[in-house]
PDB file of all heavy atoms in Angstrom:
ATOM      1  N   VAL A   1     102.769  90.174  98.372  1.00  0.00           N
ATOM      2  CA  VAL A   1     103.723  90.442  99.625  1.00  0.00           C
ATOM      3  C   VAL A   1     104.327  89.090 100.261  1.00  0.00           C
ATOM      4  O   VAL A   1     105.396  89.048 100.441  1.00  0.00           O
ATOM      5  CB  VAL A   1     102.971  91.204 100.549  1.00  0.00           C
ATOM      6  CG1 VAL A   1     103.715  91.324 101.914  1.00  0.00           C
ATOM      7  CG2 VAL A   1     102.587  92.593 100.076  1.00  0.00           C
ATOM      8  N   GLU A   2     103.474  88.125 100.346  1.00  0.00           N
ATOM      9  CA  GLU A   2     103.723  86.865 100.972  1.00  0.00           C
ATOM     10  C   GLU A   2     104.756  86.181  99.917  1.00  0.00           C
ATOM     11  O   GLU A   2     105.839  85.563 100.514  1.00  0.00           O
ATOM     12  CB  GLU A   2     102.660  85.959 101.289  1.00  0.00           C
ATOM     13  CG  GLU A   2     101.625  86.602 102.407  1.00  0.00           C
ATOM     14  CD  GLU A   2     102.131  86.533 103.731  1.00  0.00           C
ATOM     15  OE1 GLU A   2     103.209  85.883 104.003  1.00  0.00           O
ATOM     16  OE2 GLU A   2     101.586  87.078 104.612  1.00  0.00           O
ATOM     17  N   ALA A   3     104.554  86.143  98.736  1.00  0.00           N
ATOM     18  CA  ALA A   3     105.259  85.547  97.665  1.00  0.00           C
ATOM     19  C   ALA A   3     106.639  86.094  97.690  1.00  0.00           C
ATOM     20  O   ALA A   3     107.693  85.499  97.372  1.00  0.00           O
ATOM     21  CB  ALA A   3     104.653  85.514  96.310  1.00  0.00           C
ATOM     22  N   ALA A   4     106.761  87.471  98.053  1.00  0.00           N
ATOM     23  CA  ALA A   4     108.004  88.137  97.920  1.00  0.00           C
ATOM     24  C   ALA A   4     108.835  87.945  99.297  1.00  0.00           C
ATOM     25  O   ALA A   4     109.927  88.591  99.532  1.00  0.00           O
ATOM     26  CB  ALA A   4     107.871  89.704  97.793  1.00  0.00           C
ATOM     27  N   GLY A   5     108.259  87.130 100.279  1.00  0.00           N
ATOM     28  CA  GLY A   5     109.010  86.743 101.464  1.00  0.00           C
ATOM     29  C   GLY A   5     108.801  87.743 102.572  1.00  0.00           C
ATOM     30  O   GLY A   5     109.548  87.787 103.490  1.00  0.00           O
ATOM     31  N   MET A   6     107.839  88.567 102.469  1.00  0.00           N
ATOM     32  CA  MET A   6     107.411  89.563 103.385  1.00  0.00           C
ATOM     33  C   MET A   6     106.071  89.255 104.109  1.00  0.00           C
ATOM     34  O   MET A   6     105.329  88.470 103.550  1.00  0.00           O
ATOM     35  CB  MET A   6     107.442  91.012 102.869  1.00  0.00           C
ATOM     36  CG  MET A   6     108.951  91.454 102.463  1.00  0.00           C
ATOM     37  SD  MET A   6     108.787  93.075 101.610  1.00  0.00           S
ATOM     38  CE  MET A   6     108.619  92.406  99.927  1.00  0.00           C
ATOM     39  N   ALA A   7     105.848  89.692 105.304  1.00  0.00           N
ATOM     40  CA  ALA A   7     104.597  89.568 105.976  1.00  0.00           C
ATOM     41  C   ALA A   7     103.647  90.655 105.548  1.00  0.00           C
ATOM     42  O   ALA A   7     103.995  91.874 105.383  1.00  0.00           O
ATOM     43  CB  ALA A   7     104.723  89.619 107.513  1.00  0.00           C
ATOM     44  N   PHE A   8     102.514  90.251 105.245  1.00  0.00           N
ATOM     45  CA  PHE A   8     101.405  91.308 104.908  1.00  0.00           C
ATOM     46  C   PHE A   8     100.669  91.558 106.295  1.00  0.00           C
ATOM     47  O   PHE A   8     100.062  90.668 106.917  1.00  0.00           O
ATOM     48  CB  PHE A   8     100.308  90.701 104.014  1.00  0.00           C
ATOM     49  CG  PHE A   8      99.130  91.499 103.704  1.00  0.00           C
ATOM     50  CD1 PHE A   8      99.260  92.656 102.848  1.00  0.00           C
ATOM     51  CD2 PHE A   8      97.838  91.342 104.252  1.00  0.00           C
ATOM     52  CE1 PHE A   8      98.179  93.523 102.570  1.00  0.00           C
ATOM     53  CE2 PHE A   8      96.745  92.154 103.984  1.00  0.00           C
ATOM     54  CZ  PHE A   8      96.976  93.249 103.179  1.00  0.00           C
ATOM     55  N   ILE A   9     100.584  92.815 106.722  1.00  0.00           N
ATOM     56  CA  ILE A   9     100.108  93.070 108.103  1.00  0.00           C
ATOM     57  C   ILE A   9      98.617  93.345 107.916  1.00  0.00           C
ATOM     58  O   ILE A   9      98.111  94.484 107.686  1.00  0.00           O
ATOM     59  CB  ILE A   9     100.738  94.331 108.687  1.00  0.00           C
ATOM     60  CG1 ILE A   9     102.327  94.135 108.721  1.00  0.00           C
ATOM     61  CG2 ILE A   9     100.274  94.726 110.093  1.00  0.00           C
ATOM     62  CD1 ILE A   9     103.071  95.248 109.256  1.00  0.00           C
ATOM     63  N   GLY A  10      97.882  92.303 107.901  1.00  0.00           N
ATOM     64  CA  GLY A  10      96.396  92.374 107.646  1.00  0.00           C
ATOM     65  C   GLY A  10      95.821  90.965 107.578  1.00  0.00           C
ATOM     66  O   GLY A  10      96.740  89.948 107.762  1.00  0.00           O
ATOM     67  N   PRO A  11      94.595  90.816 107.291  1.00  0.00           N
ATOM     68  CA  PRO A  11      94.051  89.476 107.244  1.00  0.00           C
ATOM     69  C   PRO A  11      94.588  88.673 106.077  1.00  0.00           C
ATOM     70  O   PRO A  11      95.092  89.305 105.154  1.00  0.00           O
ATOM     71  CB  PRO A  11      92.558  89.620 107.036  1.00  0.00           C
ATOM     72  CG  PRO A  11      92.246  91.078 107.493  1.00  0.00           C
ATOM     73  CD  PRO A  11      93.549  91.855 107.254  1.00  0.00           C
ATOM     74  N   PRO A  12      94.524  87.301 106.087  1.00  0.00           N
ATOM     75  CA  PRO A  12      95.165  86.551 105.014  1.00  0.00           C
ATOM     76  C   PRO A  12      94.349  86.747 103.709  1.00  0.00           C
ATOM     77  O   PRO A  12      93.202  87.148 103.694  1.00  0.00           O
ATOM     78  CB  PRO A  12      94.848  85.018 105.619  1.00  0.00           C
ATOM     79  CG  PRO A  12      93.868  85.195 106.657  1.00  0.00           C
ATOM     80  CD  PRO A  12      93.922  86.498 107.251  1.00  0.00           C
ATOM     81  N   ALA A  13      95.041  86.405 102.651  1.00  0.00           N
ATOM     82  CA  ALA A  13      94.399  86.568 101.334  1.00  0.00           C
ATOM     83  C   ALA A  13      93.029  85.927 101.115  1.00  0.00           C
ATOM     84  O   ALA A  13      92.168  86.455 100.574  1.00  0.00           O
ATOM     85  CB  ALA A  13      95.433  86.235 100.278  1.00  0.00           C
ATOM     86  N   GLU A  14      93.029  84.607 101.775  1.00  0.00           N
ATOM     87  CA  GLU A  14      91.782  83.896 101.617  1.00  0.00           C
ATOM     88  C   GLU A  14      90.551  84.727 102.231  1.00  0.00           C
ATOM     89  O   GLU A  14      89.469  84.598 101.734  1.00  0.00           O
ATOM     90  CB  GLU A  14      91.924  82.605 102.286  1.00  0.00           C
ATOM     91  CG  GLU A  14      90.679  81.698 102.150  1.00  0.00           C
ATOM     92  CD  GLU A  14      90.842  80.332 102.864  1.00  0.00           C
ATOM     93  OE1 GLU A  14      91.956  80.037 103.312  1.00  0.00           O
ATOM     94  OE2 GLU A  14      89.869  79.562 102.812  1.00  0.00           O
ATOM     95  N   CYS A  15      90.898  85.385 103.390  1.00  0.00           N
ATOM     96  CA  CYS A  15      89.847  86.164 104.053  1.00  0.00           C
ATOM     97  C   CYS A  15      89.459  87.321 103.282  1.00  0.00           C
ATOM     98  O   CYS A  15      88.317  87.634 103.053  1.00  0.00           O
ATOM     99  CB  CYS A  15      90.399  86.592 105.403  1.00  0.00           C
ATOM    100  SG  CYS A  15      89.305  87.775 106.351  1.00  0.00           S
ATOM    101  N   LEU A  16      90.518  88.025 102.677  1.00  0.00           N
ATOM    102  CA  LEU A  16      90.204  89.162 101.731  1.00  0.00           C
ATOM    103  C   LEU A  16      89.370  88.681 100.571  1.00  0.00           C
ATOM    104  O   LEU A  16      88.443  89.499 100.085  1.00  0.00           O
ATOM    105  CB  LEU A  16      91.472  89.711 101.306  1.00  0.00           C
ATOM    106  CG  LEU A  16      92.423  90.363 102.361  1.00  0.00           C
ATOM    107  CD1 LEU A  16      93.725  90.910 101.718  1.00  0.00           C
ATOM    108  CD2 LEU A  16      91.750  91.403 103.215  1.00  0.00           C
ATOM    109  N   ASP A  17      89.564  87.585  99.986  1.00  0.00           N
ATOM    110  CA  ASP A  17      88.727  86.910  98.900  1.00  0.00           C
ATOM    111  C   ASP A  17      87.338  86.849  99.347  1.00  0.00           C
ATOM    112  O   ASP A  17      86.329  87.224  98.614  1.00  0.00           O
ATOM    113  CB  ASP A  17      89.241  85.681  98.391  1.00  0.00           C
ATOM    114  CG  ASP A  17      90.442  85.759  97.485  1.00  0.00           C
ATOM    115  OD1 ASP A  17      90.527  86.845  96.692  1.00  0.00           O
ATOM    116  OD2 ASP A  17      91.326  84.932  97.439  1.00  0.00           O
ATOM    117  N   LEU A  18      87.129  86.234 100.564  1.00  0.00           N
ATOM    118  CA  LEU A  18      85.792  85.911 100.851  1.00  0.00           C
ATOM    119  C   LEU A  18      85.026  87.070 101.309  1.00  0.00           C
ATOM    120  O   LEU A  18      83.793  87.142 100.974  1.00  0.00           O
ATOM    121  CB  LEU A  18      85.945  84.923 102.114  1.00  0.00           C
ATOM    122  CG  LEU A  18      86.348  83.432 101.857  1.00  0.00           C
ATOM    123  CD1 LEU A  18      86.699  82.765 103.138  1.00  0.00           C
ATOM    124  CD2 LEU A  18      85.347  82.722 101.077  1.00  0.00           C
ATOM    125  N   LEU A  19      85.529  88.049 102.051  1.00  0.00           N
ATOM    126  CA  LEU A  19      84.840  89.195 102.542  1.00  0.00           C
ATOM    127  C   LEU A  19      84.996  90.460 101.672  1.00  0.00           C
ATOM    128  O   LEU A  19      84.175  91.429 101.855  1.00  0.00           O
ATOM    129  CB  LEU A  19      85.349  89.495 104.010  1.00  0.00           C
ATOM    130  CG  LEU A  19      85.024  88.413 104.943  1.00  0.00           C
ATOM    131  CD1 LEU A  19      85.499  88.786 106.261  1.00  0.00           C
ATOM    132  CD2 LEU A  19      83.473  88.114 105.089  1.00  0.00           C
ATOM    133  N   GLY A  20      85.968  90.571 100.796  1.00  0.00           N
ATOM    134  CA  GLY A  20      86.038  91.630  99.886  1.00  0.00           C
ATOM    135  C   GLY A  20      84.988  91.830  98.933  1.00  0.00           C
ATOM    136  O   GLY A  20      84.713  92.964  98.409  1.00  0.00           O
ATOM    137  N   ASP A  21      84.322  90.699  98.635  1.00  0.00           N
ATOM    138  CA  ASP A  21      83.065  90.853  97.794  1.00  0.00           C
ATOM    139  C   ASP A  21      81.908  90.793  98.638  1.00  0.00           C
ATOM    140  O   ASP A  21      81.510  89.822  99.486  1.00  0.00           O
ATOM    141  CB  ASP A  21      82.997  89.547  96.860  1.00  0.00           C
ATOM    142  CG  ASP A  21      81.776  89.601  95.920  1.00  0.00           C
ATOM    143  OD1 ASP A  21      80.627  89.736  96.368  1.00  0.00           O
ATOM    144  OD2 ASP A  21      81.975  89.429  94.818  1.00  0.00           O
ATOM    145  N   LYS A  22      81.118  91.993  98.673  1.00  0.00           N
ATOM    146  CA  LYS A  22      79.978  92.140  99.518  1.00  0.00           C
ATOM    147  C   LYS A  22      78.940  91.039  99.333  1.00  0.00           C
ATOM    148  O   LYS A  22      78.087  90.718 100.296  1.00  0.00           O
ATOM    149  CB  LYS A  22      79.345  93.535  99.446  1.00  0.00           C
ATOM    150  CG  LYS A  22      80.282  94.656  99.880  1.00  0.00           C
ATOM    151  CD  LYS A  22      79.616  96.015  99.647  1.00  0.00           C
ATOM    152  CE  LYS A  22      80.506  97.065 100.212  1.00  0.00           C
ATOM    153  NZ  LYS A  22      81.794  97.322  99.357  1.00  0.00           N
ATOM    154  N   VAL A  23      78.689  90.555  98.104  1.00  0.00           N
ATOM    155  CA  VAL A  23      77.665  89.649  97.952  1.00  0.00           C
ATOM    156  C   VAL A  23      78.161  88.339  98.636  1.00  0.00           C
ATOM    157  O   VAL A  23      77.281  87.564  99.255  1.00  0.00           O
ATOM    158  CB  VAL A  23      77.515  89.354  96.428  1.00  0.00           C
ATOM    159  CG1 VAL A  23      76.636  88.214  96.100  1.00  0.00           C
ATOM    160  CG2 VAL A  23      76.898  90.673  95.667  1.00  0.00           C
ATOM    161  N   ALA A  24      79.387  87.919  98.436  1.00  0.00           N
ATOM    162  CA  ALA A  24      79.960  86.699  99.187  1.00  0.00           C
ATOM    163  C   ALA A  24      79.804  86.890 100.530  1.00  0.00           C
ATOM    164  O   ALA A  24      79.463  85.840 101.386  1.00  0.00           O
ATOM    165  CB  ALA A  24      81.378  86.458  98.681  1.00  0.00           C
ATOM    166  N   ALA A  25      80.115  88.047 101.094  1.00  0.00           N
ATOM    167  CA  ALA A  25      80.007  88.477 102.615  1.00  0.00           C
ATOM    168  C   ALA A  25      78.634  88.170 103.033  1.00  0.00           C
ATOM    169  O   ALA A  25      78.509  87.776 104.177  1.00  0.00           O
ATOM    170  CB  ALA A  25      80.551  89.640 102.971  1.00  0.00           C
ATOM    171  N   ARG A  26      77.671  88.624 102.356  1.00  0.00           N
ATOM    172  CA  ARG A  26      76.270  88.449 102.829  1.00  0.00           C
ATOM    173  C   ARG A  26      75.940  86.965 102.769  1.00  0.00           C
ATOM    174  O   ARG A  26      75.212  86.524 103.846  1.00  0.00           O
ATOM    175  CB  ARG A  26      75.331  89.126 101.726  1.00  0.00           C
ATOM    176  CG  ARG A  26      75.367  90.622 101.841  1.00  0.00           C
ATOM    177  CD  ARG A  26      74.647  91.314 100.591  1.00  0.00           C
ATOM    178  NE  ARG A  26      73.285  90.823 100.354  1.00  0.00           N
ATOM    179  CZ  ARG A  26      72.251  91.314 100.997  1.00  0.00           C
ATOM    180  NH1 ARG A  26      72.369  92.375 101.772  1.00  0.00           N
ATOM    181  NH2 ARG A  26      71.027  90.951 100.806  1.00  0.00           N
ATOM    182  N   SER A  27      76.399  86.157 101.836  1.00  0.00           N
ATOM    183  CA  SER A  27      76.083  84.754 101.914  1.00  0.00           C
ATOM    184  C   SER A  27      76.735  84.100 103.263  1.00  0.00           C
ATOM    185  O   SER A  27      76.243  83.232 103.933  1.00  0.00           O
ATOM    186  CB  SER A  27      76.619  84.023 100.753  1.00  0.00           C
ATOM    187  OG  SER A  27      75.909  84.495  99.566  1.00  0.00           O
ATOM    188  N   LEU A  28      77.993  84.575 103.413  1.00  0.00           N
ATOM    189  CA  LEU A  28      78.667  83.973 104.683  1.00  0.00           C
ATOM    190  C   LEU A  28      77.966  84.370 106.003  1.00  0.00           C
ATOM    191  O   LEU A  28      77.907  83.607 106.920  1.00  0.00           O
ATOM    192  CB  LEU A  28      80.147  84.576 104.675  1.00  0.00           C
ATOM    193  CG  LEU A  28      81.113  83.913 103.768  1.00  0.00           C
ATOM    194  CD1 LEU A  28      82.426  84.678 103.709  1.00  0.00           C
ATOM    195  CD2 LEU A  28      81.405  82.480 104.123  1.00  0.00           C
ATOM    196  N   ALA A  29      77.518  85.678 105.944  1.00  0.00           N
ATOM    197  CA  ALA A  29      76.670  86.085 107.204  1.00  0.00           C
ATOM    198  C   ALA A  29      75.478  85.300 107.417  1.00  0.00           C
ATOM    199  O   ALA A  29      75.143  84.812 108.460  1.00  0.00           O
ATOM    200  CB  ALA A  29      76.349  87.643 107.057  1.00  0.00           C
TER     201      ALA A  29
END
C-alpha cells in the first residue's frame, strides 16, 4: 500500500512483522 503511494490505515509494517508472529511477540513482551 505504501509503495503504491497510499496510506495504510494501521500500524507500520515493521510493527506488523514484530507482533504478527506470536513467538516473536512473546520475546518482546
